[in-house]
């Protein structure tokens, strides 16, 4: 995130963070994260 902020001079709003999903199992958590990132038009990852 720091490198992206330096490259494009973007200010993140850390006060307005949203939790998109909750998973107990790590493998499901990784899959869920991957799906949310893939759905975004301009994701960070």
C-alpha atoms as a PDB file:
ATOM      1  CA  UNK A   1       0.000   0.000   0.000  1.00  0.00           C
ATOM      2  CA  UNK A   2       2.843   2.370   0.790  1.00  0.00           C
ATOM      3  CA  UNK A   3       4.342   1.884  -2.693  1.00  0.00           C
ATOM      4  CA  UNK A   4       0.990   2.584  -4.347  1.00  0.00           C
ATOM      5  CA  UNK A   5       0.565   5.755  -2.288  1.00  0.00           C
ATOM      6  CA  UNK A   6       4.014   6.925  -3.365  1.00  0.00           C
ATOM      7  CA  UNK A   7       3.428   6.067  -7.058  1.00  0.00           C
ATOM      8  CA  UNK A   8       0.023   7.663  -7.501  1.00  0.00           C
ATOM      9  CA  UNK A   9      -0.090  10.014  -4.485  1.00  0.00           C
ATOM     10  CA  UNK A  10      -3.378   8.558  -3.225  1.00  0.00           C
ATOM     11  CA  UNK A  11      -4.666   9.255   0.287  1.00  0.00           C
ATOM     12  CA  UNK A  12      -6.432   6.292   1.899  1.00  0.00           C
ATOM     13  CA  UNK A  13      -9.376   6.965   4.197  1.00  0.00           C
ATOM     14  CA  UNK A  14      -8.528   4.650   7.106  1.00  0.00           C
ATOM     15  CA  UNK A  15     -11.512   5.963   9.120  1.00  0.00           C
ATOM     16  CA  UNK A  16     -14.061   4.604   6.587  1.00  0.00           C
ATOM     17  CA  UNK A  17     -12.940   0.956   6.363  1.00  0.00           C
ATOM     18  CA  UNK A  18     -15.506  -1.763   5.616  1.00  0.00           C
ATOM     19  CA  UNK A  19     -15.255  -5.492   6.350  1.00  0.00           C
ATOM     20  CA  UNK A  20     -16.576  -7.233   3.245  1.00  0.00           C
ATOM     21  CA  UNK A  21     -16.598 -10.819   4.516  1.00  0.00           C
ATOM     22  CA  UNK A  22     -15.739 -12.937   7.563  1.00  0.00           C
ATOM     23  CA  UNK A  23     -14.396 -16.486   7.379  1.00  0.00           C
ATOM     24  CA  UNK A  24     -13.179 -18.777  10.148  1.00  0.00           C
ATOM     25  CA  UNK A  25     -11.062 -21.021   7.932  1.00  0.00           C
ATOM     26  CA  UNK A  26      -7.889 -19.611   6.408  1.00  0.00           C
ATOM     27  CA  UNK A  27      -8.288 -21.359   3.050  1.00  0.00           C
ATOM     28  CA  UNK A  28     -11.824 -19.993   2.637  1.00  0.00           C
ATOM     29  CA  UNK A  29     -10.577 -16.572   3.714  1.00  0.00           C
ATOM     30  CA  UNK A  30      -7.962 -16.568   0.925  1.00  0.00           C
ATOM     31  CA  UNK A  31     -10.537 -17.624  -1.670  1.00  0.00           C
ATOM     32  CA  UNK A  32     -12.986 -14.969  -0.501  1.00  0.00           C
ATOM     33  CA  UNK A  33     -10.274 -12.288  -0.620  1.00  0.00           C
ATOM     34  CA  UNK A  34      -9.258 -13.370  -4.121  1.00  0.00           C
ATOM     35  CA  UNK A  35     -12.856 -13.145  -5.355  1.00  0.00           C
ATOM     36  CA  UNK A  36     -13.365  -9.664  -3.907  1.00  0.00           C
ATOM     37  CA  UNK A  37     -10.104  -8.462  -5.489  1.00  0.00           C
ATOM     38  CA  UNK A  38     -11.038  -9.951  -8.879  1.00  0.00           C
ATOM     39  CA  UNK A  39     -14.441  -8.195  -8.795  1.00  0.00           C
ATOM     40  CA  UNK A  40     -12.854  -4.766  -8.311  1.00  0.00           C
ATOM     41  CA  UNK A  41     -12.164  -2.687 -11.359  1.00  0.00           C
ATOM     42  CA  UNK A  42      -9.093  -0.969  -9.849  1.00  0.00           C
ATOM     43  CA  UNK A  43      -7.958  -3.235  -7.020  1.00  0.00           C
ATOM     44  CA  UNK A  44      -4.718  -2.727  -5.097  1.00  0.00           C
ATOM     45  CA  UNK A  45      -3.472  -6.286  -5.446  1.00  0.00           C
END
